[in-house]
Protein backbone atom coordinates (compact mmCIF):
# COMPACT_ATOMS: atom_id res chain seq x y z
CA MET A 1 151.79 149.56 113.60
CA SER A 2 151.63 153.22 114.62
CA ARG A 3 154.20 154.73 116.98
CA LEU A 4 151.51 155.23 119.64
CA THR A 5 150.37 151.61 119.38
CA ALA A 6 153.98 150.49 119.71
CA GLU A 7 154.39 152.52 122.93
CA HIS A 8 151.11 151.22 124.36
CA GLN A 9 152.30 147.69 123.65
CA ARG A 10 155.82 148.24 125.01
CA LEU A 11 154.69 149.77 128.30
CA PHE A 12 151.32 148.21 128.98
CA ALA A 13 151.01 145.20 126.62
CA ALA A 14 147.95 146.95 125.13
CA ASP A 15 146.44 146.23 121.72
CA ALA A 16 145.97 148.66 118.83
CA GLN A 17 142.88 150.18 120.49
CA GLY A 18 144.67 150.74 123.80
CA HIS A 19 142.92 147.87 125.58
CA LEU A 20 144.94 146.10 128.27
CA PRO A 21 144.93 142.28 128.49
CA SER A 22 141.72 141.28 130.24
CA ALA A 23 141.95 137.51 130.74
CA ALA A 24 140.53 136.67 134.17
CA GLY A 25 143.26 135.87 136.67
CA ALA A 26 146.10 136.67 134.26
CA PRO A 27 149.20 138.46 135.62
CA VAL A 28 149.38 142.19 134.91
CA ARG A 29 152.06 144.57 133.72
CA THR A 30 150.10 147.73 134.48
CA LEU A 31 149.04 149.47 137.70
CA VAL A 32 146.59 152.37 137.57
CA LEU A 33 145.49 154.64 140.40
CA ALA A 34 142.96 157.47 139.91
CA LEU A 35 142.00 160.33 142.25
CA HIS A 36 138.61 162.02 141.88
CA SER A 37 135.88 163.91 143.80
CA PRO A 38 137.59 166.27 143.23
CA ALA A 39 140.45 165.64 140.86
CA ASP A 40 143.30 167.24 142.79
CA TRP A 41 146.86 166.94 141.55
CA ALA A 42 148.36 168.46 144.71
CA THR A 43 146.93 165.51 146.68
CA LEU A 44 148.13 162.85 144.21
CA ALA A 45 151.59 164.36 143.59
CA PRO A 46 153.22 162.98 146.79
CA LEU A 47 152.67 159.47 145.48
CA TRP A 48 154.12 160.37 142.06
CA ARG A 49 157.21 161.86 143.74
CA GLY A 50 157.48 159.33 146.57
CA VAL A 51 157.96 156.16 144.51
CA GLN A 52 160.80 157.86 142.64
CA ALA A 53 162.57 159.18 145.75
CA ASP A 54 162.03 156.19 148.03
CA PHE A 55 162.29 153.21 145.68
CA ASP A 56 164.09 154.56 142.61
CA TRP A 57 161.11 153.78 140.40
CA PRO A 58 160.78 155.63 137.09
CA ALA A 59 158.08 158.30 137.18
CA PRO A 60 154.64 156.87 136.42
CA ALA A 61 152.81 158.30 133.43
CA ILE A 62 150.23 160.97 134.32
CA ALA A 63 146.84 161.02 132.60
CA VAL A 64 143.65 163.06 132.67
CA ASN A 65 140.78 160.64 132.18
CA GLY A 66 138.51 163.13 130.41
CA THR A 67 135.76 162.97 133.03
CA ASP A 68 136.59 163.18 136.72
CA ALA A 69 140.11 162.06 137.69
CA PHE A 70 143.86 162.36 137.43
CA GLU A 71 145.50 158.97 136.94
CA LEU A 72 148.94 157.48 137.53
CA TRP A 73 149.97 154.66 135.19
CA TRP A 74 152.86 152.35 136.10
CA SER A 75 154.44 149.94 133.66
CA LEU A 76 156.02 146.79 135.12
CA ALA A 77 158.91 145.15 133.27
CA GLU A 78 157.73 141.71 134.42
CA PRO A 79 154.13 140.59 134.99
CA LEU A 80 152.88 140.45 138.57
CA PRO A 81 150.06 138.19 139.80
CA ARG A 82 146.88 140.22 139.90
CA ALA A 83 146.26 139.79 143.63
CA GLU A 84 149.83 140.87 144.43
CA ALA A 85 149.49 143.89 142.15
CA ALA A 86 146.28 144.90 143.92
CA GLN A 87 147.99 144.52 147.30
CA LEU A 88 150.91 146.66 146.13
CA LEU A 89 148.58 149.47 145.03
CA ALA A 90 146.75 149.34 148.37
CA GLN A 91 150.07 149.58 150.21
CA LEU A 92 151.14 152.58 148.12
CA GLN A 93 147.86 154.29 148.95
CA ARG A 94 148.36 153.72 152.68
CA ARG A 95 151.92 155.03 152.58
CA TYR A 96 151.50 158.13 150.43
CA LEU A 97 147.78 158.98 150.61
CA PRO A 98 146.84 158.02 154.18
CA ASP A 99 144.38 160.89 154.66
CA VAL A 100 142.52 160.46 151.36
CA ARG A 101 139.08 158.89 151.65
CA ALA A 102 138.87 155.46 150.07
CA ASP A 103 135.88 156.50 147.94
CA ARG A 104 138.04 159.12 146.19
CA LEU A 105 140.44 156.49 144.85
CA ARG A 106 140.03 153.97 142.05
CA ALA A 107 142.68 151.32 141.59
CA TRP A 108 143.25 148.69 138.94
CA PRO A 109 143.65 145.96 139.77
CA ALA A 110 141.79 146.29 143.05
CA ALA A 111 141.62 143.82 145.92
CA GLY A 112 138.29 142.03 146.01
CA ASP A 113 137.48 143.04 142.42
CA MET A 114 139.69 140.76 140.38
CA ALA A 115 137.14 140.55 137.55
CA ALA A 116 136.94 144.33 136.98
CA PRO A 117 137.75 145.25 133.37
CA PRO A 118 141.01 147.12 132.90
CA PRO A 119 141.04 150.79 131.91
CA VAL A 120 141.79 151.86 128.35
CA CYS A 121 145.08 153.60 127.57
CA PRO A 122 144.65 157.28 126.65
CA PRO A 123 144.13 159.05 124.36
CA PHE A 124 140.42 158.52 123.69
CA VAL A 125 137.26 160.58 123.49
CA ALA A 126 135.46 160.70 126.85
CA GLY A 127 132.54 162.99 125.93
CA PRO A 128 131.58 165.94 123.79
CA GLU A 129 134.74 168.03 123.47
CA ARG A 130 136.34 166.04 126.26
CA TRP A 131 139.37 163.86 125.74
CA ALA A 132 141.49 161.63 127.94
CA ALA A 133 145.23 161.93 127.39
CA PHE A 134 148.62 161.38 128.91
CA VAL A 135 150.17 164.69 129.97
CA THR A 136 153.58 165.98 131.00
CA PRO A 137 154.28 166.53 134.74
CA ASP A 138 154.04 170.32 134.43
CA LEU A 139 150.46 170.26 133.11
CA PRO A 140 148.21 168.72 135.83
CA ALA A 141 148.18 171.91 137.89
CA VAL A 142 146.89 173.78 134.83
CA PHE A 143 143.75 171.61 134.67
CA GLY A 144 142.60 172.48 138.19
CA ASP A 145 139.71 170.15 139.04
CA ASP A 146 138.65 169.61 135.39
CA PRO A 147 140.86 166.74 134.16
CA ALA A 148 140.06 166.77 130.44
CA LEU A 149 141.32 168.14 127.15
CA ASP A 150 138.78 169.99 125.00
CA PHE A 151 140.55 168.95 121.79
CA GLU A 152 141.88 165.72 120.36
CA PRO A 153 145.52 165.19 121.38
CA GLY A 154 147.96 164.40 118.59
CA ARG A 155 148.84 160.73 118.43
CA ASP A 156 152.47 161.46 117.57
CA ALA A 157 152.72 163.86 120.52
CA GLN A 158 151.28 161.16 122.81
CA ALA A 159 153.79 158.65 121.41
CA ASP A 160 156.65 161.10 122.04
CA LEU A 161 155.51 161.54 125.64
CA LEU A 162 155.30 157.77 126.25
CA LEU A 163 158.64 157.20 124.55
CA ARG A 164 160.30 158.75 127.62
CA GLN A 165 158.47 156.43 130.04
CA ARG A 166 160.29 153.46 131.58
CA SER A 167 159.04 150.30 133.25
CA VAL A 168 159.61 149.39 136.89
CA THR A 169 162.26 146.66 136.82
CA ALA A 170 162.65 143.73 139.20
CA THR A 171 165.12 145.20 141.72
CA PRO A 172 163.25 148.46 142.45
CA LEU A 173 160.00 146.49 142.61
CA ARG A 174 161.46 144.11 145.21
CA ARG A 175 162.80 147.07 147.18
CA ALA A 176 159.37 148.65 147.35
CA ARG A 177 157.56 145.45 148.27
CA ALA A 178 160.04 144.75 151.07
CA ALA A 179 159.64 148.28 152.47
CA LEU A 180 155.85 148.29 152.16
CA ASN A 181 155.38 144.79 153.57
CA PRO A 182 158.08 144.20 156.25
CA PRO A 183 158.26 140.73 157.84
CA GLU A 184 156.26 140.25 161.02
CA PRO A 185 158.31 140.10 164.26
CA PRO A 186 158.68 136.62 165.76
CA ALA A 187 156.10 135.61 168.33
CA PRO A 188 157.32 135.94 171.95
CA SER A 189 158.52 132.71 173.50
CA THR A 190 156.55 131.02 176.26
CA ALA A 191 159.36 131.73 178.74
CA ALA A 192 158.84 135.47 178.26
CA ARG A 193 155.15 135.36 179.20
CA PRO A 194 154.18 136.34 182.75
CA ALA A 195 153.19 133.70 185.27
CA GLY A 196 149.45 133.29 185.21
CA SER A 197 149.12 133.80 181.45
CA ALA A 198 147.07 131.30 179.52
CA ALA A 199 150.28 129.77 178.06
CA ALA A 200 151.80 129.31 181.53
CA VAL A 201 148.79 127.37 182.84
CA GLY A 202 149.21 123.70 181.92
CA ALA A 203 153.04 123.79 181.45
CA PRO A 204 155.87 123.05 183.90
CA ALA A 205 157.28 126.26 185.33
CA THR A 206 160.20 127.52 187.36
CA ALA A 207 160.97 130.70 189.26
CA PRO A 208 164.04 131.88 191.15
CA GLY A 209 163.98 130.47 194.69
CA LEU A 210 160.86 128.38 194.05
CA GLY A 211 162.34 125.38 192.24
CA ARG A 212 160.69 123.47 189.38
CA HIS A 213 157.00 122.60 189.52
CA GLU A 214 155.46 119.99 187.25
CA ASP A 215 152.07 121.10 188.58
CA PRO A 216 151.35 124.64 187.30
CA ARG A 217 148.77 125.20 190.03
CA ALA A 218 151.34 124.44 192.70
CA PHE A 219 153.75 126.85 191.05
CA LEU A 220 151.18 129.65 190.98
CA LEU A 221 150.30 129.00 194.63
CA ALA A 222 153.99 129.20 195.52
CA VAL A 223 154.38 132.54 193.72
CA MET A 224 151.21 133.98 195.23
CA ASN A 225 152.29 133.02 198.77
CA ASP A 226 155.94 134.06 198.42
CA PRO A 227 156.37 137.33 200.41
CA ALA A 228 159.63 138.01 198.56
CA ALA A 229 157.94 138.01 195.13
CA PRO A 230 156.93 141.40 193.66
CA LEU A 231 153.31 142.30 194.38
CA ALA A 232 152.46 142.56 190.67
CA LEU A 233 153.76 139.02 190.09
CA ARG A 234 151.76 137.67 193.04
CA ILE A 235 148.61 139.32 191.65
CA GLU A 236 149.24 137.75 188.23
CA ALA A 237 149.68 134.36 189.90
CA ALA A 238 146.35 134.79 191.66
CA LYS A 239 144.71 135.62 188.35
CA GLY A 240 146.27 132.52 186.84
CA LEU A 241 144.81 130.38 189.60
CA LEU A 242 141.37 131.79 188.87
CA GLN A 243 141.78 130.80 185.20
CA ALA A 244 143.23 127.37 185.91
CA PRO A 245 141.08 124.28 185.16
CA GLY A 246 139.51 122.82 188.25
CA HIS A 247 139.20 126.12 190.11
CA ALA A 248 136.24 125.79 192.44
CA GLY A 249 135.25 129.53 192.30
């Protein structure tokens, strides 16, 4: 096994040709996000920096795909269900690339496209005198909007570059997922809803000075006719009466 194959396998579970596992529905250890039209490293760089600063992730590998895009490649220490991986990529896009048009981004895996074949690990030939390759962080700006090498990259040099890459481990991954997908706030209780709301109609109700009413319509009438009640509350009670079943119109 060559050194480059060993690094592809260690980071991305790829085979000797750089192909990622492609079994439908299988968990994934690789996330890939590409920016094109145009390839613009200055636009993609905030995502590369942000996951390191905010979540303590190792830096993703940077690749030129030989045709039209800069790519970020993340290695996960533990496999993630494909749908969850796609959701995580979409959340990263929303956080760090909110102003980038969706048609400029390609993600793998992608929500709604679970059967899409995975990308191939660089290096590989992408066209006449055009090669895809992993590159060091200081090089993307040199490419401008032409993300390709015009010569075959050395396999040992690519292996040396990947040797420094690390996988995202469980704790930083959990930290990111919690920050990107916070729990929803609890639904407001019925008691907090204003009189006249749909939830108030059909349920026993009370109000200061008005006692308890088993008949919601009687309660709303009492509120509407109470001169001491705030005007806004009386108006809401009137609206509730209009919505109540049995209203004659």
